[in-house]
Amino acid sequence: NGNVPPAKKLWKSTFDKDISRSIRYFMRMTIHGGYKVGQYWDNIPSHEWKGKCCDTHESMDHILTKCTAAGQKEIWDLTSEMWRMKTGIEMRPTIGQIMAGGVTKVGNMGENRLYKILITESTHLIWKLRNERRIQHTGPHALEKIRNRWLKTINNRLVVDCAMTDGLKYGKKALKISLVKSTWKKTLKDERTLAKDWPKKVGVLVGVG
C-alpha cells in the first residue's frame, strides 16, 4: 500500500548492504526530513520561491512521484519496464512504497533483492536530477540523457554485483553467484545465450530499451 512503515523498520533498511552507501545516506536524510524542500523556505524572506515547483509546494512526494519536469516519470517508466521483464507486474510506487523499498517483500529472494535495488537506485537518480535542475540550474534534462543515465546506473549496479562474487577478493563478504543470478534473472540482454557462470564474465548488461 502507500503507507509509510514504522520509522524503526525504515531506519533498519538504511544499514542494508544491498543498498549503495550514498543511497543509505539519502534515505537517512529523507527519513529525518533533513533536506531543505517545500515549506522549509516559507518563512525565509526572498527565498520563498525555492519551496515551489509545478505551482505547488515541493515535497519529497512531489519530487519522487508527481513532478512534471522531465525525470521522475521517465525513470519510473524504465523501472517499470524492467520490473515487468522480471515479474510481469507494473511498478508505479507511491511515496510510502518508495520509503519502504528497502524492507518490502514482493516474492522470492531474487525478486525481493531486485525490487530493493531498482526502487532505491531509481529514487536516488530522480533526486540527483532534481538537484541538477533546481540547484545547479542545468535546465531541463533531455529524455535520451535521462534514459542513458538510468541505464548506466542500473548497469553499474549489475557490474558491482558481478564483481562481488569474487570470493578470493571479498572473502566472507562475497555474494553467492546463485543470488546474483536469481536477482537479475529475466532482465539481461541476450540472456539465453549467456554462460551459466555469467556473473564471472565481463560485459553483461540489462536488456531494457
N, C-alpha and C. Protein backbone atom coordinates (compact mmCIF):
# COMPACT_ATOMS: atom_id res chain seq x y z
N ASN A 1 0.84 -1.20 0.00
CA ASN A 1 0.00 0.00 0.00
C ASN A 1 0.87 1.24 0.00
N GLY A 2 0.25 2.42 0.14
CA GLY A 2 1.01 3.66 0.06
C GLY A 2 1.44 4.19 1.40
N ASN A 3 1.21 3.44 2.48
CA ASN A 3 1.56 3.92 3.80
C ASN A 3 3.05 3.76 4.08
N VAL A 4 3.59 4.71 4.83
CA VAL A 4 4.99 4.63 5.23
C VAL A 4 5.10 3.71 6.44
N PRO A 5 5.98 2.71 6.41
CA PRO A 5 6.12 1.79 7.53
C PRO A 5 6.74 2.47 8.75
N PRO A 6 6.72 1.79 9.91
CA PRO A 6 7.28 2.38 11.13
C PRO A 6 8.72 2.85 10.95
N ALA A 7 9.05 3.95 11.64
CA ALA A 7 10.38 4.54 11.49
C ALA A 7 11.49 3.56 11.84
N LYS A 8 11.26 2.71 12.84
CA LYS A 8 12.28 1.74 13.24
C LYS A 8 12.62 0.79 12.11
N LYS A 9 11.58 0.37 11.38
CA LYS A 9 11.79 -0.54 10.26
C LYS A 9 12.50 0.17 9.11
N LEU A 10 12.12 1.42 8.87
CA LEU A 10 12.78 2.21 7.84
C LEU A 10 14.25 2.42 8.18
N TRP A 11 14.51 2.77 9.42
CA TRP A 11 15.89 3.04 9.85
C TRP A 11 16.77 1.81 9.66
N LYS A 12 16.23 0.65 9.96
CA LYS A 12 16.97 -0.59 9.79
C LYS A 12 17.41 -0.78 8.35
N SER A 13 16.55 -0.38 7.42
CA SER A 13 16.86 -0.57 6.00
C SER A 13 18.02 0.31 5.55
N THR A 14 18.32 1.38 6.30
CA THR A 14 19.41 2.27 5.89
C THR A 14 20.78 1.68 6.20
N PHE A 15 20.81 0.48 6.77
CA PHE A 15 22.07 -0.22 7.02
C PHE A 15 22.19 -1.47 6.15
N ASP A 16 21.27 -1.62 5.22
CA ASP A 16 21.24 -2.79 4.34
C ASP A 16 22.36 -2.69 3.31
N LYS A 17 23.26 -3.66 3.29
CA LYS A 17 24.41 -3.61 2.39
C LYS A 17 24.03 -3.84 0.93
N ASP A 18 22.80 -4.28 0.67
CA ASP A 18 22.35 -4.39 -0.72
C ASP A 18 22.04 -3.01 -1.31
N ILE A 19 21.97 -2.00 -0.46
CA ILE A 19 21.69 -0.63 -0.89
C ILE A 19 23.00 0.16 -0.89
N SER A 20 23.26 0.87 -1.96
CA SER A 20 24.51 1.63 -2.09
C SER A 20 24.68 2.61 -0.92
N ARG A 21 25.92 2.84 -0.53
CA ARG A 21 26.21 3.68 0.63
C ARG A 21 25.62 5.08 0.49
N SER A 22 25.79 5.70 -0.69
CA SER A 22 25.27 7.05 -0.89
C SER A 22 23.75 7.09 -0.79
N ILE A 23 23.11 6.00 -1.19
CA ILE A 23 21.65 5.94 -1.11
C ILE A 23 21.21 5.73 0.33
N ARG A 24 21.96 4.97 1.09
CA ARG A 24 21.63 4.79 2.51
C ARG A 24 21.67 6.13 3.23
N TYR A 25 22.64 6.98 2.88
CA TYR A 25 22.71 8.32 3.46
C TYR A 25 21.49 9.14 3.05
N PHE A 26 21.15 9.08 1.77
CA PHE A 26 19.97 9.79 1.27
C PHE A 26 18.71 9.34 2.01
N MET A 27 18.59 8.05 2.25
CA MET A 27 17.42 7.52 2.95
C MET A 27 17.36 8.04 4.38
N ARG A 28 18.50 8.08 5.06
CA ARG A 28 18.53 8.59 6.44
C ARG A 28 18.11 10.05 6.48
N MET A 29 18.64 10.83 5.55
CA MET A 29 18.29 12.25 5.50
C MET A 29 16.80 12.44 5.22
N THR A 30 16.26 11.62 4.33
CA THR A 30 14.85 11.73 3.97
C THR A 30 13.96 11.34 5.14
N ILE A 31 14.31 10.27 5.83
CA ILE A 31 13.53 9.82 6.98
C ILE A 31 13.46 10.91 8.04
N HIS A 32 14.56 11.62 8.24
CA HIS A 32 14.62 12.65 9.28
C HIS A 32 14.26 14.04 8.76
N GLY A 33 13.77 14.13 7.52
CA GLY A 33 13.40 15.43 6.98
C GLY A 33 14.57 16.39 6.90
N GLY A 34 15.72 15.86 6.56
CA GLY A 34 16.94 16.66 6.59
C GLY A 34 17.18 17.53 5.37
N TYR A 35 16.38 17.36 4.33
CA TYR A 35 16.59 18.14 3.11
C TYR A 35 15.71 19.39 3.09
N LYS A 36 16.26 20.47 2.57
CA LYS A 36 15.57 21.76 2.56
C LYS A 36 14.67 21.84 1.33
N VAL A 37 13.45 21.36 1.49
CA VAL A 37 12.49 21.40 0.40
C VAL A 37 11.16 21.97 0.91
N GLY A 38 10.36 22.47 -0.02
CA GLY A 38 8.99 22.87 0.29
C GLY A 38 8.85 23.93 1.36
N GLN A 39 8.09 23.62 2.40
CA GLN A 39 7.71 24.60 3.41
C GLN A 39 8.89 25.13 4.22
N TYR A 40 10.03 24.47 4.15
CA TYR A 40 11.22 24.98 4.83
C TYR A 40 11.48 26.43 4.45
N TRP A 41 11.19 26.78 3.18
CA TRP A 41 11.53 28.10 2.66
C TRP A 41 10.45 29.15 2.89
N ASP A 42 9.30 28.77 3.42
CA ASP A 42 8.17 29.69 3.51
C ASP A 42 8.45 30.94 4.32
N ASN A 43 9.22 30.82 5.37
CA ASN A 43 9.45 31.95 6.27
C ASN A 43 10.83 32.57 6.12
N ILE A 44 11.44 32.33 4.97
CA ILE A 44 12.75 32.92 4.69
C ILE A 44 12.57 33.97 3.60
N PRO A 45 12.57 35.25 3.98
CA PRO A 45 12.31 36.33 3.01
C PRO A 45 13.18 36.24 1.76
N SER A 46 12.55 36.45 0.63
CA SER A 46 13.20 36.45 -0.69
C SER A 46 13.60 35.06 -1.17
N HIS A 47 13.30 34.04 -0.37
CA HIS A 47 13.65 32.68 -0.78
C HIS A 47 12.42 31.77 -0.88
N GLU A 48 11.24 32.36 -0.71
CA GLU A 48 10.02 31.55 -0.71
C GLU A 48 9.86 30.75 -2.00
N TRP A 49 10.33 31.31 -3.10
CA TRP A 49 10.19 30.66 -4.40
C TRP A 49 10.89 29.31 -4.46
N LYS A 50 11.89 29.12 -3.61
CA LYS A 50 12.64 27.87 -3.62
C LYS A 50 11.79 26.68 -3.16
N GLY A 51 10.71 26.98 -2.46
CA GLY A 51 9.85 25.91 -1.97
C GLY A 51 8.74 25.52 -2.92
N LYS A 52 8.71 26.16 -4.10
CA LYS A 52 7.65 25.89 -5.06
C LYS A 52 8.17 25.12 -6.27
N CYS A 53 7.31 24.26 -6.77
CA CYS A 53 7.61 23.52 -8.01
C CYS A 53 6.28 23.12 -8.63
N CYS A 54 6.15 23.33 -9.92
CA CYS A 54 4.90 22.98 -10.62
C CYS A 54 3.69 23.65 -9.96
N ASP A 55 3.87 24.91 -9.53
CA ASP A 55 2.80 25.69 -8.90
C ASP A 55 2.26 25.06 -7.63
N THR A 56 3.09 24.33 -6.91
CA THR A 56 2.69 23.75 -5.64
C THR A 56 3.89 23.69 -4.72
N HIS A 57 3.65 23.39 -3.43
CA HIS A 57 4.77 23.21 -2.51
C HIS A 57 5.55 21.96 -2.92
N GLU A 58 6.85 22.13 -3.04
CA GLU A 58 7.69 20.98 -3.34
C GLU A 58 7.82 20.12 -2.08
N SER A 59 7.74 18.83 -2.25
CA SER A 59 7.91 17.87 -1.16
C SER A 59 8.58 16.64 -1.74
N MET A 60 9.02 15.73 -0.89
CA MET A 60 9.61 14.50 -1.41
C MET A 60 8.58 13.72 -2.22
N ASP A 61 7.34 13.74 -1.78
CA ASP A 61 6.28 13.08 -2.54
C ASP A 61 6.18 13.69 -3.94
N HIS A 62 6.18 15.01 -3.99
CA HIS A 62 6.10 15.70 -5.29
C HIS A 62 7.31 15.37 -6.16
N ILE A 63 8.50 15.49 -5.58
CA ILE A 63 9.74 15.27 -6.33
C ILE A 63 9.79 13.86 -6.92
N LEU A 64 9.43 12.88 -6.10
CA LEU A 64 9.65 11.48 -6.47
C LEU A 64 8.50 10.83 -7.22
N THR A 65 7.30 11.43 -7.16
CA THR A 65 6.16 10.76 -7.80
C THR A 65 5.25 11.66 -8.63
N LYS A 66 5.36 12.97 -8.50
CA LYS A 66 4.37 13.84 -9.15
C LYS A 66 4.95 14.93 -10.04
N CYS A 67 6.20 15.29 -9.88
CA CYS A 67 6.77 16.42 -10.62
C CYS A 67 6.65 16.20 -12.12
N THR A 68 6.23 17.25 -12.83
CA THR A 68 6.03 17.14 -14.28
C THR A 68 7.29 17.46 -15.07
N ALA A 69 8.34 17.92 -14.39
CA ALA A 69 9.61 18.15 -15.09
C ALA A 69 10.18 16.81 -15.54
N ALA A 70 10.89 16.83 -16.65
CA ALA A 70 11.47 15.59 -17.17
C ALA A 70 12.36 14.94 -16.11
N GLY A 71 12.12 13.67 -15.86
CA GLY A 71 12.94 12.96 -14.89
C GLY A 71 12.19 11.86 -14.19
N GLN A 72 11.31 12.23 -13.26
CA GLN A 72 10.71 11.19 -12.42
C GLN A 72 9.83 10.24 -13.22
N LYS A 73 8.97 10.73 -14.09
CA LYS A 73 8.09 9.84 -14.85
C LYS A 73 8.89 8.92 -15.76
N GLU A 74 9.88 9.49 -16.44
CA GLU A 74 10.68 8.70 -17.37
C GLU A 74 11.46 7.60 -16.64
N ILE A 75 11.97 7.92 -15.47
CA ILE A 75 12.72 6.93 -14.71
C ILE A 75 11.81 5.82 -14.20
N TRP A 76 10.62 6.18 -13.73
CA TRP A 76 9.70 5.13 -13.28
C TRP A 76 9.18 4.30 -14.46
N ASP A 77 9.08 4.91 -15.64
CA ASP A 77 8.71 4.13 -16.83
C ASP A 77 9.76 3.05 -17.11
N LEU A 78 11.03 3.43 -17.05
CA LEU A 78 12.11 2.47 -17.29
C LEU A 78 12.15 1.41 -16.19
N THR A 79 11.98 1.85 -14.96
CA THR A 79 11.98 0.92 -13.83
C THR A 79 10.84 -0.09 -13.97
N SER A 80 9.68 0.42 -14.35
CA SER A 80 8.52 -0.45 -14.52
C SER A 80 8.73 -1.44 -15.66
N GLU A 81 9.37 -0.98 -16.73
CA GLU A 81 9.66 -1.88 -17.85
C GLU A 81 10.55 -3.04 -17.41
N MET A 82 11.55 -2.73 -16.61
CA MET A 82 12.45 -3.79 -16.14
C MET A 82 11.74 -4.71 -15.15
N TRP A 83 10.90 -4.14 -14.31
CA TRP A 83 10.17 -4.95 -13.34
C TRP A 83 9.17 -5.87 -14.04
N ARG A 84 8.58 -5.40 -15.13
CA ARG A 84 7.69 -6.25 -15.93
C ARG A 84 8.46 -7.42 -16.53
N MET A 85 9.69 -7.16 -16.97
CA MET A 85 10.51 -8.24 -17.50
C MET A 85 10.73 -9.32 -16.44
N LYS A 86 10.92 -8.87 -15.21
CA LYS A 86 11.20 -9.78 -14.11
C LYS A 86 9.95 -10.52 -13.63
N THR A 87 8.84 -9.79 -13.50
CA THR A 87 7.67 -10.35 -12.82
C THR A 87 6.37 -10.29 -13.61
N GLY A 88 6.35 -9.49 -14.68
CA GLY A 88 5.10 -9.29 -15.41
C GLY A 88 4.20 -8.26 -14.76
N ILE A 89 4.71 -7.55 -13.75
CA ILE A 89 3.91 -6.59 -12.98
C ILE A 89 4.46 -5.18 -13.17
N GLU A 90 3.57 -4.19 -13.22
CA GLU A 90 3.97 -2.79 -13.30
C GLU A 90 4.56 -2.33 -11.96
N MET A 91 5.42 -1.32 -12.02
CA MET A 91 5.91 -0.69 -10.79
C MET A 91 5.64 0.81 -10.88
N ARG A 92 4.66 1.27 -10.14
CA ARG A 92 4.33 2.69 -10.05
C ARG A 92 4.24 3.05 -8.57
N PRO A 93 5.37 3.20 -7.91
CA PRO A 93 5.38 3.33 -6.46
C PRO A 93 4.82 4.65 -5.93
N THR A 94 4.14 4.56 -4.81
CA THR A 94 3.73 5.74 -4.05
C THR A 94 4.92 6.17 -3.19
N ILE A 95 4.79 7.30 -2.53
CA ILE A 95 5.87 7.74 -1.65
C ILE A 95 6.06 6.73 -0.51
N GLY A 96 4.99 6.14 -0.04
CA GLY A 96 5.10 5.13 1.01
C GLY A 96 5.87 3.91 0.55
N GLN A 97 5.58 3.46 -0.67
CA GLN A 97 6.29 2.30 -1.22
C GLN A 97 7.75 2.61 -1.49
N ILE A 98 8.02 3.85 -1.87
CA ILE A 98 9.41 4.26 -2.08
C ILE A 98 10.17 4.24 -0.75
N MET A 99 9.57 4.82 0.27
CA MET A 99 10.21 4.86 1.58
C MET A 99 10.44 3.45 2.13
N ALA A 100 9.54 2.55 1.79
CA ALA A 100 9.62 1.17 2.30
C ALA A 100 10.38 0.25 1.36
N GLY A 101 10.96 0.81 0.29
CA GLY A 101 11.59 -0.01 -0.73
C GLY A 101 12.68 -0.93 -0.23
N GLY A 102 13.35 -0.52 0.84
CA GLY A 102 14.44 -1.33 1.36
C GLY A 102 13.99 -2.48 2.24
N VAL A 103 12.72 -2.51 2.61
CA VAL A 103 12.24 -3.55 3.52
C VAL A 103 11.05 -4.33 2.96
N THR A 104 10.60 -3.98 1.77
CA THR A 104 9.42 -4.61 1.19
C THR A 104 9.73 -6.01 0.64
N LYS A 105 8.85 -6.95 0.91
CA LYS A 105 8.96 -8.30 0.36
C LYS A 105 7.90 -8.46 -0.72
N VAL A 106 8.33 -8.81 -1.92
CA VAL A 106 7.40 -8.90 -3.05
C VAL A 106 7.35 -10.28 -3.67
N GLY A 107 8.23 -11.18 -3.27
CA GLY A 107 8.25 -12.50 -3.89
C GLY A 107 9.40 -13.33 -3.35
N ASN A 108 10.12 -14.01 -4.25
CA ASN A 108 11.25 -14.82 -3.82
C ASN A 108 12.47 -13.93 -3.54
N MET A 109 13.56 -14.54 -3.13
CA MET A 109 14.73 -13.78 -2.72
C MET A 109 15.27 -12.89 -3.84
N GLY A 110 15.32 -13.43 -5.06
CA GLY A 110 15.82 -12.66 -6.18
C GLY A 110 14.93 -11.48 -6.50
N GLU A 111 13.62 -11.69 -6.47
CA GLU A 111 12.67 -10.61 -6.74
C GLU A 111 12.74 -9.54 -5.66
N ASN A 112 12.83 -9.97 -4.42
CA ASN A 112 12.94 -9.00 -3.32
C ASN A 112 14.18 -8.13 -3.47
N ARG A 113 15.27 -8.77 -3.84
CA ARG A 113 16.54 -8.04 -3.94
C ARG A 113 16.53 -7.08 -5.12
N LEU A 114 16.02 -7.52 -6.27
CA LEU A 114 15.97 -6.62 -7.43
C LEU A 114 15.02 -5.46 -7.17
N TYR A 115 13.89 -5.74 -6.53
CA TYR A 115 12.95 -4.67 -6.19
C TYR A 115 13.64 -3.60 -5.35
N LYS A 116 14.37 -4.06 -4.36
CA LYS A 116 15.10 -3.14 -3.47
C LYS A 116 16.11 -2.30 -4.26
N ILE A 117 16.84 -2.95 -5.14
CA ILE A 117 17.85 -2.25 -5.94
C ILE A 117 17.19 -1.25 -6.88
N LEU A 118 16.17 -1.69 -7.60
CA LEU A 118 15.52 -0.82 -8.58
C LEU A 118 14.89 0.40 -7.93
N ILE A 119 14.15 0.19 -6.85
CA ILE A 119 13.41 1.31 -6.27
C ILE A 119 14.34 2.31 -5.59
N THR A 120 15.42 1.82 -4.97
CA THR A 120 16.33 2.75 -4.30
C THR A 120 17.23 3.47 -5.30
N GLU A 121 17.75 2.76 -6.28
CA GLU A 121 18.62 3.39 -7.27
C GLU A 121 17.84 4.40 -8.12
N SER A 122 16.62 4.05 -8.49
CA SER A 122 15.80 4.95 -9.31
C SER A 122 15.40 6.19 -8.52
N THR A 123 15.02 5.99 -7.27
CA THR A 123 14.65 7.12 -6.42
C THR A 123 15.81 8.10 -6.28
N HIS A 124 16.98 7.57 -6.03
CA HIS A 124 18.15 8.43 -5.83
C HIS A 124 18.51 9.18 -7.11
N LEU A 125 18.35 8.54 -8.26
CA LEU A 125 18.63 9.22 -9.52
C LEU A 125 17.64 10.35 -9.76
N ILE A 126 16.37 10.13 -9.44
CA ILE A 126 15.38 11.20 -9.56
C ILE A 126 15.79 12.39 -8.70
N TRP A 127 16.23 12.11 -7.49
CA TRP A 127 16.67 13.17 -6.58
C TRP A 127 17.87 13.92 -7.15
N LYS A 128 18.82 13.20 -7.71
CA LYS A 128 20.00 13.86 -8.29
C LYS A 128 19.63 14.73 -9.48
N LEU A 129 18.73 14.24 -10.32
CA LEU A 129 18.30 15.04 -11.47
C LEU A 129 17.57 16.31 -11.00
N ARG A 130 16.78 16.17 -9.96
CA ARG A 130 16.09 17.33 -9.39
C ARG A 130 17.09 18.36 -8.92
N ASN A 131 18.13 17.91 -8.22
CA ASN A 131 19.14 18.84 -7.70
C ASN A 131 19.89 19.53 -8.83
N GLU A 132 20.19 18.80 -9.88
CA GLU A 132 20.87 19.40 -11.03
C GLU A 132 20.00 20.50 -11.64
N ARG A 133 18.72 20.22 -11.74
CA ARG A 133 17.80 21.17 -12.37
C ARG A 133 17.51 22.37 -11.47
N ARG A 134 17.29 22.11 -10.18
CA ARG A 134 16.83 23.16 -9.26
C ARG A 134 17.97 23.92 -8.58
N ILE A 135 19.06 23.24 -8.31
CA ILE A 135 20.16 23.86 -7.56
C ILE A 135 21.32 24.26 -8.48
N GLN A 136 21.68 23.35 -9.37
CA GLN A 136 22.79 23.64 -10.28
C GLN A 136 22.32 24.36 -11.55
N HIS A 137 21.00 24.46 -11.72
CA HIS A 137 20.40 25.19 -12.84
C HIS A 137 20.90 24.70 -14.19
N THR A 138 20.89 23.39 -14.36
CA THR A 138 21.33 22.81 -15.63
C THR A 138 20.27 22.92 -16.71
N GLY A 139 19.05 23.28 -16.31
CA GLY A 139 17.95 23.31 -17.27
C GLY A 139 17.31 21.94 -17.39
N PRO A 140 16.25 21.83 -18.18
CA PRO A 140 15.56 20.54 -18.34
C PRO A 140 16.49 19.47 -18.90
N HIS A 141 16.31 18.25 -18.44
CA HIS A 141 17.12 17.14 -18.93
C HIS A 141 16.49 16.55 -20.19
N ALA A 142 17.31 16.28 -21.18
CA ALA A 142 16.84 15.64 -22.40
C ALA A 142 16.42 14.20 -22.08
N LEU A 143 15.34 13.75 -22.70
CA LEU A 143 14.81 12.43 -22.39
C LEU A 143 15.82 11.32 -22.67
N GLU A 144 16.57 11.44 -23.75
CA GLU A 144 17.56 10.41 -24.07
C GLU A 144 18.66 10.36 -23.02
N LYS A 145 19.04 11.52 -22.50
CA LYS A 145 20.07 11.55 -21.46
C LYS A 145 19.56 10.94 -20.16
N ILE A 146 18.28 11.16 -19.87
CA ILE A 146 17.68 10.55 -18.68
C ILE A 146 17.72 9.03 -18.81
N ARG A 147 17.33 8.54 -19.97
CA ARG A 147 17.34 7.10 -20.22
C ARG A 147 18.75 6.53 -20.07
N ASN A 148 19.72 7.22 -20.65
CA ASN A 148 21.10 6.74 -20.59
C ASN A 148 21.65 6.78 -19.17
N ARG A 149 21.26 7.80 -18.41
CA ARG A 149 21.71 7.89 -17.01
C ARG A 149 21.15 6.73 -16.20
N TRP A 150 19.88 6.42 -16.43
CA TRP A 150 19.26 5.31 -15.70
C TRP A 150 19.91 3.97 -16.07
N LEU A 151 20.10 3.76 -17.36
CA LEU A 151 20.74 2.51 -17.81
C LEU A 151 22.14 2.38 -17.22
N LYS A 152 22.88 3.46 -17.21
CA LYS A 152 24.23 3.44 -16.65
C LYS A 152 24.18 3.12 -15.16
N THR A 153 23.23 3.71 -14.46
CA THR A 153 23.08 3.47 -13.02
C THR A 153 22.80 2.00 -12.73
N ILE A 154 21.85 1.42 -13.45
CA ILE A 154 21.48 0.02 -13.20
C ILE A 154 22.56 -0.94 -13.68
N ASN A 155 23.16 -0.64 -14.82
CA ASN A 155 24.25 -1.50 -15.30
C ASN A 155 25.46 -1.44 -14.37
N ASN A 156 25.74 -0.27 -13.82
CA ASN A 156 26.84 -0.17 -12.86
C ASN A 156 26.56 -1.03 -11.64
N ARG A 157 25.30 -1.06 -11.23
CA ARG A 157 24.94 -1.87 -10.08
C ARG A 157 25.09 -3.36 -10.39
N LEU A 158 24.76 -3.74 -11.62
CA LEU A 158 24.95 -5.12 -12.06
C LEU A 158 26.43 -5.48 -12.06
N VAL A 159 27.26 -4.57 -12.53
CA VAL A 159 28.71 -4.80 -12.54
C VAL A 159 29.24 -5.01 -11.12
N VAL A 160 28.76 -4.20 -10.19
CA VAL A 160 29.18 -4.35 -8.79
C VAL A 160 28.78 -5.72 -8.26
N ASP A 161 27.55 -6.13 -8.55
CA ASP A 161 27.09 -7.45 -8.11
C ASP A 161 28.00 -8.56 -8.63
N CYS A 162 28.32 -8.47 -9.92
CA CYS A 162 29.18 -9.49 -10.52
C CYS A 162 30.57 -9.49 -9.88
N ALA A 163 31.11 -8.31 -9.66
CA ALA A 163 32.44 -8.21 -9.05
C ALA A 163 32.44 -8.78 -7.64
N MET A 164 31.33 -8.61 -6.93
CA MET A 164 31.25 -9.05 -5.54
C MET A 164 31.14 -10.57 -5.39
N THR A 165 31.08 -11.30 -6.50
CA THR A 165 31.08 -12.76 -6.41
C THR A 165 32.49 -13.33 -6.29
N ASP A 166 33.48 -12.46 -6.33
CA ASP A 166 34.88 -12.89 -6.24
C ASP A 166 35.22 -13.25 -4.79
N GLY A 167 35.17 -14.53 -4.49
CA GLY A 167 35.42 -14.99 -3.14
C GLY A 167 36.84 -14.76 -2.67
N LEU A 168 37.80 -14.82 -3.59
CA LEU A 168 39.20 -14.59 -3.21
C LEU A 168 39.42 -13.15 -2.78
N LYS A 169 38.74 -12.23 -3.43
CA LYS A 169 38.92 -10.81 -3.14
C LYS A 169 38.09 -10.35 -1.95
N TYR A 170 36.85 -10.85 -1.85
CA TYR A 170 35.93 -10.32 -0.84
C TYR A 170 35.67 -11.27 0.33
N GLY A 171 36.17 -12.50 0.23
CA GLY A 171 36.05 -13.42 1.34
C GLY A 171 34.61 -13.63 1.78
N LYS A 172 34.35 -13.46 3.07
CA LYS A 172 33.02 -13.69 3.62
C LYS A 172 31.99 -12.67 3.12
N LYS A 173 32.47 -11.54 2.62
CA LYS A 173 31.57 -10.50 2.12
C LYS A 173 31.12 -10.77 0.67
N ALA A 174 31.73 -11.76 0.04
CA ALA A 174 31.40 -12.06 -1.35
C ALA A 174 29.95 -12.52 -1.48
N LEU A 175 29.35 -12.17 -2.62
CA LEU A 175 27.99 -12.61 -2.91
C LEU A 175 28.01 -13.98 -3.57
N LYS A 176 27.02 -14.78 -3.29
CA LYS A 176 26.89 -16.07 -3.95
C LYS A 176 26.46 -15.85 -5.40
N ILE A 177 27.07 -16.60 -6.30
CA ILE A 177 26.70 -16.49 -7.71
C ILE A 177 25.20 -16.77 -7.89
N SER A 178 24.69 -17.73 -7.14
CA SER A 178 23.27 -18.08 -7.26
C SER A 178 22.37 -16.90 -6.89
N LEU A 179 22.79 -16.09 -5.91
CA LEU A 179 22.00 -14.92 -5.51
C LEU A 179 22.01 -13.86 -6.60
N VAL A 180 23.17 -13.62 -7.18
CA VAL A 180 23.28 -12.63 -8.26
C VAL A 180 22.46 -13.08 -9.46
N LYS A 181 22.53 -14.35 -9.80
CA LYS A 181 21.78 -14.86 -10.94
C LYS A 181 20.27 -14.76 -10.70
N SER A 182 19.83 -15.07 -9.50
CA SER A 182 18.39 -15.00 -9.21
C SER A 182 17.91 -13.56 -9.16
N THR A 183 18.79 -12.64 -8.76
CA THR A 183 18.43 -11.22 -8.71
C THR A 183 18.15 -10.68 -10.10
N TRP A 184 19.03 -10.98 -11.04
CA TRP A 184 18.96 -10.37 -12.37
C TRP A 184 18.31 -11.26 -13.43
N LYS A 185 17.84 -12.42 -13.03
CA LYS A 185 17.18 -13.34 -13.96
C LYS A 185 16.01 -12.66 -14.68
N LYS A 186 15.91 -12.88 -15.97
CA LYS A 186 14.85 -12.36 -16.85
C LYS A 186 15.02 -10.89 -17.22
N THR A 187 16.13 -10.28 -16.83
CA THR A 187 16.30 -8.85 -17.11
C THR A 187 17.51 -8.55 -17.98
N LEU A 188 18.26 -9.56 -18.38
CA LEU A 188 19.54 -9.34 -19.05
C LEU A 188 19.43 -9.38 -20.57
N LYS A 189 20.30 -8.65 -21.21
CA LYS A 189 20.36 -8.63 -22.66
C LYS A 189 20.89 -9.98 -23.17
N ASP A 190 20.21 -10.54 -24.16
CA ASP A 190 20.61 -11.83 -24.75
C ASP A 190 20.83 -12.89 -23.67
N GLU A 191 19.93 -12.93 -22.73
CA GLU A 191 20.11 -13.79 -21.55
C GLU A 191 20.23 -15.27 -21.90
N ARG A 192 19.49 -15.70 -22.91
CA ARG A 192 19.50 -17.13 -23.26
C ARG A 192 20.86 -17.59 -23.78
N THR A 193 21.67 -16.65 -24.25
CA THR A 193 22.97 -17.03 -24.81
C THR A 193 24.10 -16.90 -23.79
N LEU A 194 23.80 -16.45 -22.59
CA LEU A 194 24.84 -16.24 -21.59
C LEU A 194 25.32 -17.56 -20.99
N ALA A 195 26.59 -17.59 -20.62
CA ALA A 195 27.15 -18.77 -19.96
C ALA A 195 26.51 -18.94 -18.59
N LYS A 196 26.54 -20.17 -18.07
CA LYS A 196 25.94 -20.43 -16.76
C LYS A 196 26.63 -19.63 -15.66
N ASP A 197 27.91 -19.36 -15.84
CA ASP A 197 28.64 -18.60 -14.83
C ASP A 197 28.81 -17.14 -15.26
N TRP A 198 27.76 -16.57 -15.88
CA TRP A 198 27.87 -15.22 -16.43
C TRP A 198 28.28 -14.16 -15.40
N PRO A 199 27.98 -14.31 -14.12
CA PRO A 199 28.46 -13.28 -13.18
C PRO A 199 29.99 -13.16 -13.15
N LYS A 200 30.67 -14.19 -13.64
CA LYS A 200 32.13 -14.15 -13.68
C LYS A 200 32.66 -13.53 -14.98
N LYS A 201 31.74 -13.19 -15.88
CA LYS A 201 32.14 -12.66 -17.18
C LYS A 201 32.06 -11.13 -17.20
N VAL A 202 32.66 -10.54 -18.22
CA VAL A 202 32.65 -9.09 -18.40
C VAL A 202 31.68 -8.73 -19.52
N GLY A 203 30.96 -7.62 -19.35
CA GLY A 203 30.14 -7.11 -20.44
C GLY A 203 28.67 -7.48 -20.41
N VAL A 204 28.19 -8.10 -19.33
CA VAL A 204 26.78 -8.43 -19.22
C VAL A 204 25.99 -7.15 -18.92
N LEU A 205 24.88 -6.95 -19.64
CA LEU A 205 24.09 -5.73 -19.50
C LEU A 205 22.62 -6.06 -19.30
N VAL A 206 21.88 -5.13 -18.72
CA VAL A 206 20.43 -5.32 -18.62
C VAL A 206 19.81 -5.14 -20.00
N GLY A 207 18.63 -5.73 -20.19
CA GLY A 207 18.02 -5.75 -21.51
C GLY A 207 16.92 -4.74 -21.73
N VAL A 208 16.86 -3.71 -20.92
CA VAL A 208 15.83 -2.67 -21.07
C VAL A 208 16.21 -1.74 -22.21
N GLY A 209 15.21 -1.31 -22.98
CA GLY A 209 15.46 -0.32 -24.02
C GLY A 209 15.87 -0.93 -25.35
